[in-house]
């Protein structure tokens, strides 16, 4: 028997390094997971598996405010 669920894999095997002071731009087609990635980095969504490391801090519910000090985020606005 095959069961279908509404679960979808949004991100898999994402890894990158941004040096302090650098500007990072993430480009990709619609549905590639760009917004999901940034929402996880900003703790608007929590990952269901894997790890998020920002400035040697592992993202968790207890250190969200500390991690946000290291991130500047400017989303694209379509006007």
PDB file of N, CA and C in Angstrom:
ATOM      1  N   UNK A   1       0.840  -1.178   0.000  1.00  0.00           N
ATOM      2  CA  UNK A   1       0.000   0.000   0.000  1.00  0.00           C
ATOM      3  C   UNK A   1       0.884   1.239   0.000  1.00  0.00           C
ATOM      4  N   UNK A   2       0.531   2.238  -0.789  1.00  0.00           N
ATOM      5  CA  UNK A   2       1.263   3.499  -0.854  1.00  0.00           C
ATOM      6  C   UNK A   2       0.431   4.576  -0.188  1.00  0.00           C
ATOM      7  N   UNK A   3       1.076   5.302   0.726  1.00  0.00           N
ATOM      8  CA  UNK A   3       0.397   6.422   1.370  1.00  0.00           C
ATOM      9  C   UNK A   3       0.943   7.720   0.810  1.00  0.00           C
ATOM     10  N   UNK A   4       0.061   8.649   0.548  1.00  0.00           N
ATOM     11  CA  UNK A   4       0.465   9.972   0.095  1.00  0.00           C
ATOM     12  C   UNK A   4       0.222  10.956   1.216  1.00  0.00           C
ATOM     13  N   UNK A   5       1.170  11.869   1.406  1.00  0.00           N
ATOM     14  CA  UNK A   5       1.003  12.904   2.415  1.00  0.00           C
ATOM     15  C   UNK A   5       1.167  14.257   1.754  1.00  0.00           C
ATOM     16  N   UNK A   6       0.855  15.293   2.495  1.00  0.00           N
ATOM     17  CA  UNK A   6       1.031  16.657   2.003  1.00  0.00           C
ATOM     18  C   UNK A   6       2.438  17.170   2.271  1.00  0.00           C
ATOM     19  N   UNK A   7       3.297  16.353   2.890  1.00  0.00           N
ATOM     20  CA  UNK A   7       4.646  16.788   3.202  1.00  0.00           C
ATOM     21  C   UNK A   7       5.454  16.957   1.924  1.00  0.00           C
ATOM     22  N   UNK A   8       6.233  18.031   1.904  1.00  0.00           N
ATOM     23  CA  UNK A   8       7.078  18.304   0.746  1.00  0.00           C
ATOM     24  C   UNK A   8       8.480  18.610   1.239  1.00  0.00           C
ATOM     25  N   UNK A   9       9.452  18.156   0.503  1.00  0.00           N
ATOM     26  CA  UNK A   9      10.836  18.447   0.810  1.00  0.00           C
ATOM     27  C   UNK A   9      11.168  19.804   0.217  1.00  0.00           C
ATOM     28  N   UNK A  10      11.500  20.765   1.084  1.00  0.00           N
ATOM     29  CA  UNK A  10      11.772  22.117   0.605  1.00  0.00           C
ATOM     30  C   UNK A  10      13.258  22.342   0.357  1.00  0.00           C
ATOM     31  N   UNK A  11      14.095  21.878   1.247  1.00  0.00           N
ATOM     32  CA  UNK A  11      15.538  22.102   1.132  1.00  0.00           C
ATOM     33  C   UNK A  11      16.267  20.814   1.456  1.00  0.00           C
ATOM     34  N   UNK A  12      17.290  20.515   0.671  1.00  0.00           N
ATOM     35  CA  UNK A  12      18.083  19.320   0.944  1.00  0.00           C
ATOM     36  C   UNK A  12      19.523  19.594   0.538  1.00  0.00           C
ATOM     37  N   UNK A  13      20.439  19.364   1.458  1.00  0.00           N
ATOM     38  CA  UNK A  13      21.853  19.488   1.155  1.00  0.00           C
ATOM     39  C   UNK A  13      22.324  20.906   0.905  1.00  0.00           C
ATOM     40  N   UNK A  14      21.683  21.889   1.512  1.00  0.00           N
ATOM     41  CA  UNK A  14      22.088  23.281   1.332  1.00  0.00           C
ATOM     42  C   UNK A  14      23.244  23.591   2.271  1.00  0.00           C
ATOM     43  N   UNK A  15      24.301  24.139   1.718  1.00  0.00           N
ATOM     44  CA  UNK A  15      25.460  24.508   2.518  1.00  0.00           C
ATOM     45  C   UNK A  15      26.173  25.671   1.837  1.00  0.00           C
ATOM     46  N   UNK A  16      26.460  26.721   2.585  1.00  0.00           N
ATOM     47  CA  UNK A  16      27.229  27.833   2.047  1.00  0.00           C
ATOM     48  C   UNK A  16      27.885  28.580   3.195  1.00  0.00           C
ATOM     49  N   UNK A  17      28.877  29.367   2.852  1.00  0.00           N
ATOM     50  CA  UNK A  17      29.613  30.144   3.838  1.00  0.00           C
ATOM     51  C   UNK A  17      29.678  31.581   3.354  1.00  0.00           C
ATOM     52  N   UNK A  18      29.322  32.517   4.208  1.00  0.00           N
ATOM     53  CA  UNK A  18      29.391  33.933   3.881  1.00  0.00           C
ATOM     54  C   UNK A  18      30.326  34.583   4.890  1.00  0.00           C
ATOM     55  N   UNK A  19      31.352  35.241   4.386  1.00  0.00           N
ATOM     56  CA  UNK A  19      32.302  35.911   5.276  1.00  0.00           C
ATOM     57  C   UNK A  19      31.689  37.188   5.842  1.00  0.00           C
ATOM     58  N   UNK A  20      32.088  37.526   7.046  1.00  0.00           N
ATOM     59  CA  UNK A  20      31.601  38.738   7.696  1.00  0.00           C
ATOM     60  C   UNK A  20      31.860  39.945   6.806  1.00  0.00           C
ATOM     61  N   UNK A  21      30.834  40.763   6.622  1.00  0.00           N
ATOM     62  CA  UNK A  21      30.945  41.960   5.800  1.00  0.00           C
ATOM     63  C   UNK A  21      30.589  41.753   4.345  1.00  0.00           C
ATOM     64  N   UNK A  22      30.478  40.510   3.900  1.00  0.00           N
ATOM     65  CA  UNK A  22      30.118  40.224   2.516  1.00  0.00           C
ATOM     66  C   UNK A  22      28.616  40.333   2.314  1.00  0.00           C
ATOM     67  N   UNK A  23      28.224  40.629   1.094  1.00  0.00           N
ATOM     68  CA  UNK A  23      26.817  40.646   0.706  1.00  0.00           C
ATOM     69  C   UNK A  23      26.541  39.342  -0.031  1.00  0.00           C
ATOM     70  N   UNK A  24      25.502  38.634   0.358  1.00  0.00           N
ATOM     71  CA  UNK A  24      25.160  37.337  -0.214  1.00  0.00           C
ATOM     72  C   UNK A  24      23.824  37.464  -0.929  1.00  0.00           C
ATOM     73  N   UNK A  25      23.776  37.020  -2.164  1.00  0.00           N
ATOM     74  CA  UNK A  25      22.545  37.046  -2.951  1.00  0.00           C
ATOM     75  C   UNK A  25      22.212  35.619  -3.334  1.00  0.00           C
ATOM     76  N   UNK A  26      20.974  35.247  -3.146  1.00  0.00           N
ATOM     77  CA  UNK A  26      20.527  33.901  -3.479  1.00  0.00           C
ATOM     78  C   UNK A  26      19.563  33.991  -4.658  1.00  0.00           C
ATOM     79  N   UNK A  27      19.949  33.401  -5.771  1.00  0.00           N
ATOM     80  CA  UNK A  27      19.132  33.428  -6.979  1.00  0.00           C
ATOM     81  C   UNK A  27      18.643  32.023  -7.311  1.00  0.00           C
ATOM     82  N   UNK A  28      17.470  31.937  -7.867  1.00  0.00           N
ATOM     83  CA  UNK A  28      16.933  30.650  -8.276  1.00  0.00           C
ATOM     84  C   UNK A  28      15.539  30.814  -8.834  1.00  0.00           C
ATOM     85  N   UNK A  29      15.061  29.779  -9.467  1.00  0.00           N
ATOM     86  CA  UNK A  29      13.726  29.829 -10.065  1.00  0.00           C
ATOM     87  C   UNK A  29      12.643  29.801  -8.992  1.00  0.00           C
ATOM     88  N   UNK A  30      11.426  30.128  -9.399  1.00  0.00           N
ATOM     89  CA  UNK A  30      10.292  30.078  -8.475  1.00  0.00           C
ATOM     90  C   UNK A  30      10.145  28.666  -7.928  1.00  0.00           C
ATOM     91  N   UNK A  31       9.945  28.566  -6.626  1.00  0.00           N
ATOM     92  CA  UNK A  31       9.755  27.270  -5.994  1.00  0.00           C
ATOM     93  C   UNK A  31      11.039  26.551  -5.630  1.00  0.00           C
ATOM     94  N   UNK A  32      12.183  27.204  -5.802  1.00  0.00           N
ATOM     95  CA  UNK A  32      13.473  26.561  -5.526  1.00  0.00           C
ATOM     96  C   UNK A  32      13.790  26.475  -4.034  1.00  0.00           C
ATOM     97  N   UNK A  33      13.093  27.248  -3.204  1.00  0.00           N
ATOM     98  CA  UNK A  33      13.316  27.190  -1.763  1.00  0.00           C
ATOM     99  C   UNK A  33      14.039  28.400  -1.184  1.00  0.00           C
ATOM    100  N   UNK A  34      14.196  29.453  -1.962  1.00  0.00           N
ATOM    101  CA  UNK A  34      14.909  30.647  -1.491  1.00  0.00           C
ATOM    102  C   UNK A  34      14.225  31.258  -0.273  1.00  0.00           C
ATOM    103  N   UNK A  35      12.945  31.504  -0.369  1.00  0.00           N
ATOM    104  CA  UNK A  35      12.206  32.111   0.737  1.00  0.00           C
ATOM    105  C   UNK A  35      12.193  31.193   1.943  1.00  0.00           C
ATOM    106  N   UNK A  36      12.025  29.914   1.740  1.00  0.00           N
ATOM    107  CA  UNK A  36      12.046  28.954   2.841  1.00  0.00           C
ATOM    108  C   UNK A  36      13.388  28.993   3.550  1.00  0.00           C
ATOM    109  N   UNK A  37      14.475  29.033   2.793  1.00  0.00           N
ATOM    110  CA  UNK A  37      15.808  29.095   3.384  1.00  0.00           C
ATOM    111  C   UNK A  37      15.954  30.322   4.269  1.00  0.00           C
ATOM    112  N   UNK A  38      15.571  31.479   3.778  1.00  0.00           N
ATOM    113  CA  UNK A  38      15.712  32.687   4.581  1.00  0.00           C
ATOM    114  C   UNK A  38      14.767  32.696   5.778  1.00  0.00           C
ATOM    115  N   UNK A  39      13.576  32.162   5.628  1.00  0.00           N
ATOM    116  CA  UNK A  39      12.661  32.078   6.776  1.00  0.00           C
ATOM    117  C   UNK A  39      13.237  31.181   7.862  1.00  0.00           C
ATOM    118  N   UNK A  40      13.927  30.122   7.474  1.00  0.00           N
ATOM    119  CA  UNK A  40      14.571  29.261   8.463  1.00  0.00           C
ATOM    120  C   UNK A  40      15.737  29.997   9.112  1.00  0.00           C
ATOM    121  N   UNK A  41      16.546  30.689   8.316  1.00  0.00           N
ATOM    122  CA  UNK A  41      17.682  31.427   8.874  1.00  0.00           C
ATOM    123  C   UNK A  41      17.220  32.509   9.856  1.00  0.00           C
ATOM    124  N   UNK A  42      16.047  33.090   9.612  1.00  0.00           N
ATOM    125  CA  UNK A  42      15.514  34.132  10.483  1.00  0.00           C
ATOM    126  C   UNK A  42      14.592  33.565  11.562  1.00  0.00           C
ATOM    127  N   UNK A  43      14.507  32.261  11.625  1.00  0.00           N
ATOM    128  CA  UNK A  43      13.691  31.515  12.595  1.00  0.00           C
ATOM    129  C   UNK A  43      12.202  31.822  12.499  1.00  0.00           C
ATOM    130  N   UNK A  44      11.740  32.210  11.323  1.00  0.00           N
ATOM    131  CA  UNK A  44      10.302  32.316  11.100  1.00  0.00           C
ATOM    132  C   UNK A  44       9.723  30.923  10.882  1.00  0.00           C
ATOM    133  N   UNK A  45      10.547  30.008  10.399  1.00  0.00           N
ATOM    134  CA  UNK A  45      10.230  28.591  10.293  1.00  0.00           C
ATOM    135  C   UNK A  45      11.354  27.829  10.973  1.00  0.00           C
ATOM    136  N   UNK A  46      11.042  26.742  11.623  1.00  0.00           N
ATOM    137  CA  UNK A  46      12.079  25.907  12.214  1.00  0.00           C
ATOM    138  C   UNK A  46      12.277  24.682  11.326  1.00  0.00           C
ATOM    139  N   UNK A  47      13.521  24.291  11.099  1.00  0.00           N
ATOM    140  CA  UNK A  47      13.763  23.116  10.256  1.00  0.00           C
ATOM    141  C   UNK A  47      13.259  21.846  10.935  1.00  0.00           C
ATOM    142  N   UNK A  48      12.783  20.914  10.142  1.00  0.00           N
ATOM    143  CA  UNK A  48      12.304  19.649  10.699  1.00  0.00           C
ATOM    144  C   UNK A  48      13.448  18.658  10.892  1.00  0.00           C
ATOM    145  N   UNK A  49      14.570  18.913  10.222  1.00  0.00           N
ATOM    146  CA  UNK A  49      15.757  18.089  10.408  1.00  0.00           C
ATOM    147  C   UNK A  49      16.975  18.898   9.971  1.00  0.00           C
ATOM    148  N   UNK A  50      18.135  18.380  10.260  1.00  0.00           N
ATOM    149  CA  UNK A  50      19.362  19.068   9.892  1.00  0.00           C
ATOM    150  C   UNK A  50      19.745  20.123  10.918  1.00  0.00           C
ATOM    151  N   UNK A  51      20.790  20.875  10.589  1.00  0.00           N
ATOM    152  CA  UNK A  51      21.288  21.907  11.489  1.00  0.00           C
ATOM    153  C   UNK A  51      21.463  23.222  10.747  1.00  0.00           C
ATOM    154  N   UNK A  52      21.278  24.310  11.468  1.00  0.00           N
ATOM    155  CA  UNK A  52      21.550  25.636  10.944  1.00  0.00           C
ATOM    156  C   UNK A  52      22.590  26.263  11.856  1.00  0.00           C
ATOM    157  N   UNK A  53      23.752  26.583  11.291  1.00  0.00           N
ATOM    158  CA  UNK A  53      24.823  27.225  12.055  1.00  0.00           C
ATOM    159  C   UNK A  53      25.029  28.626  11.522  1.00  0.00           C
ATOM    160  N   UNK A  54      24.955  29.596  12.404  1.00  0.00           N
ATOM    161  CA  UNK A  54      25.194  30.987  12.047  1.00  0.00           C
ATOM    162  C   UNK A  54      26.163  31.561  13.067  1.00  0.00           C
ATOM    163  N   UNK A  55      27.346  31.937  12.578  1.00  0.00           N
ATOM    164  CA  UNK A  55      28.395  32.509  13.434  1.00  0.00           C
ATOM    165  C   UNK A  55      28.687  31.586  14.613  1.00  0.00           C
ATOM    166  N   UNK A  56      28.849  30.302  14.342  1.00  0.00           N
ATOM    167  CA  UNK A  56      29.152  29.269  15.342  1.00  0.00           C
ATOM    168  C   UNK A  56      28.031  29.018  16.349  1.00  0.00           C
ATOM    169  N   UNK A  57      26.852  29.574  16.112  1.00  0.00           N
ATOM    170  CA  UNK A  57      25.685  29.282  16.940  1.00  0.00           C
ATOM    171  C   UNK A  57      24.792  28.324  16.170  1.00  0.00           C
ATOM    172  N   UNK A  58      24.319  27.288  16.835  1.00  0.00           N
ATOM    173  CA  UNK A  58      23.342  26.414  16.200  1.00  0.00           C
ATOM    174  C   UNK A  58      21.955  26.986  16.488  1.00  0.00           C
ATOM    175  N   UNK A  59      21.194  27.213  15.429  1.00  0.00           N
ATOM    176  CA  UNK A  59      19.867  27.801  15.566  1.00  0.00           C
ATOM    177  C   UNK A  59      18.982  26.911  16.421  1.00  0.00           C
ATOM    178  N   UNK A  60      18.408  27.499  17.451  1.00  0.00           N
ATOM    179  CA  UNK A  60      17.386  26.826  18.253  1.00  0.00           C
ATOM    180  C   UNK A  60      16.502  27.895  18.875  1.00  0.00           C
ATOM    181  N   UNK A  61      15.444  27.481  19.487  1.00  0.00           N
ATOM    182  CA  UNK A  61      14.439  28.397  20.027  1.00  0.00           C
ATOM    183  C   UNK A  61      15.010  29.310  21.114  1.00  0.00           C
ATOM    184  N   UNK A  62      16.120  28.916  21.731  1.00  0.00           N
ATOM    185  CA  UNK A  62      16.676  29.696  22.834  1.00  0.00           C
ATOM    186  C   UNK A  62      17.643  30.792  22.413  1.00  0.00           C
ATOM    187  N   UNK A  63      18.149  30.764  21.180  1.00  0.00           N
ATOM    188  CA  UNK A  63      19.144  31.765  20.800  1.00  0.00           C
ATOM    189  C   UNK A  63      18.766  32.562  19.550  1.00  0.00           C
ATOM    190  N   UNK A  64      17.501  32.628  19.254  1.00  0.00           N
ATOM    191  CA  UNK A  64      17.036  33.312  18.057  1.00  0.00           C
ATOM    192  C   UNK A  64      17.453  34.778  18.049  1.00  0.00           C
ATOM    193  N   UNK A  65      17.255  35.487  19.145  1.00  0.00           N
ATOM    194  CA  UNK A  65      17.597  36.912  19.185  1.00  0.00           C
ATOM    195  C   UNK A  65      19.094  37.135  19.009  1.00  0.00           C
ATOM    196  N   UNK A  66      19.918  36.264  19.567  1.00  0.00           N
ATOM    197  CA  UNK A  66      21.365  36.380  19.424  1.00  0.00           C
ATOM    198  C   UNK A  66      21.779  36.192  17.966  1.00  0.00           C
ATOM    199  N   UNK A  67      21.204  35.210  17.309  1.00  0.00           N
ATOM    200  CA  UNK A  67      21.539  34.924  15.915  1.00  0.00           C
ATOM    201  C   UNK A  67      21.083  36.048  14.992  1.00  0.00           C
ATOM    202  N   UNK A  68      19.934  36.629  15.244  1.00  0.00           N
ATOM    203  CA  UNK A  68      19.418  37.696  14.374  1.00  0.00           C
ATOM    204  C   UNK A  68      20.324  38.924  14.358  1.00  0.00           C
ATOM    205  N   UNK A  69      21.158  39.080  15.346  1.00  0.00           N
ATOM    206  CA  UNK A  69      22.105  40.204  15.382  1.00  0.00           C
ATOM    207  C   UNK A  69      23.126  40.109  14.251  1.00  0.00           C
ATOM    208  N   UNK A  70      23.331  38.918  13.706  1.00  0.00           N
ATOM    209  CA  UNK A  70      24.354  38.699  12.688  1.00  0.00           C
ATOM    210  C   UNK A  70      23.807  38.704  11.264  1.00  0.00           C
ATOM    211  N   UNK A  71      22.497  38.890  11.113  1.00  0.00           N
ATOM    212  CA  UNK A  71      21.881  38.764   9.787  1.00  0.00           C
ATOM    213  C   UNK A  71      21.217  40.078   9.383  1.00  0.00           C
ATOM    214  N   UNK A  72      21.517  40.540   8.199  1.00  0.00           N
ATOM    215  CA  UNK A  72      20.790  41.636   7.571  1.00  0.00           C
ATOM    216  C   UNK A  72      20.034  41.040   6.396  1.00  0.00           C
ATOM    217  N   UNK A  73      18.764  41.327   6.276  1.00  0.00           N
ATOM    218  CA  UNK A  73      17.947  40.670   5.265  1.00  0.00           C
ATOM    219  C   UNK A  73      17.110  41.723   4.545  1.00  0.00           C
ATOM    220  N   UNK A  74      17.211  41.749   3.222  1.00  0.00           N
ATOM    221  CA  UNK A  74      16.446  42.680   2.408  1.00  0.00           C
ATOM    222  C   UNK A  74      15.692  41.876   1.348  1.00  0.00           C
ATOM    223  N   UNK A  75      14.433  41.539   1.607  1.00  0.00           N
ATOM    224  CA  UNK A  75      13.691  40.739   0.636  1.00  0.00           C
ATOM    225  C   UNK A  75      13.327  41.568  -0.601  1.00  0.00           C
ATOM    226  N   UNK A  76      13.147  40.892  -1.704  1.00  0.00           N
ATOM    227  CA  UNK A  76      12.731  41.560  -2.940  1.00  0.00           C
ATOM    228  C   UNK A  76      11.283  41.969  -2.815  1.00  0.00           C
ATOM    229  N   UNK A  77      10.978  43.183  -3.225  1.00  0.00           N
ATOM    230  CA  UNK A  77       9.605  43.651  -3.217  1.00  0.00           C
ATOM    231  C   UNK A  77       9.192  43.932  -4.655  1.00  0.00           C
ATOM    232  N   UNK A  78       8.143  43.301  -5.110  1.00  0.00           N
ATOM    233  CA  UNK A  78       7.634  43.532  -6.455  1.00  0.00           C
ATOM    234  C   UNK A  78       6.524  44.573  -6.373  1.00  0.00           C
ATOM    235  N   UNK A  79       6.798  45.746  -6.866  1.00  0.00           N
ATOM    236  CA  UNK A  79       5.807  46.837  -6.805  1.00  0.00           C
ATOM    237  C   UNK A  79       5.144  47.052  -8.134  1.00  0.00           C
TER     238      UNK A  79
END
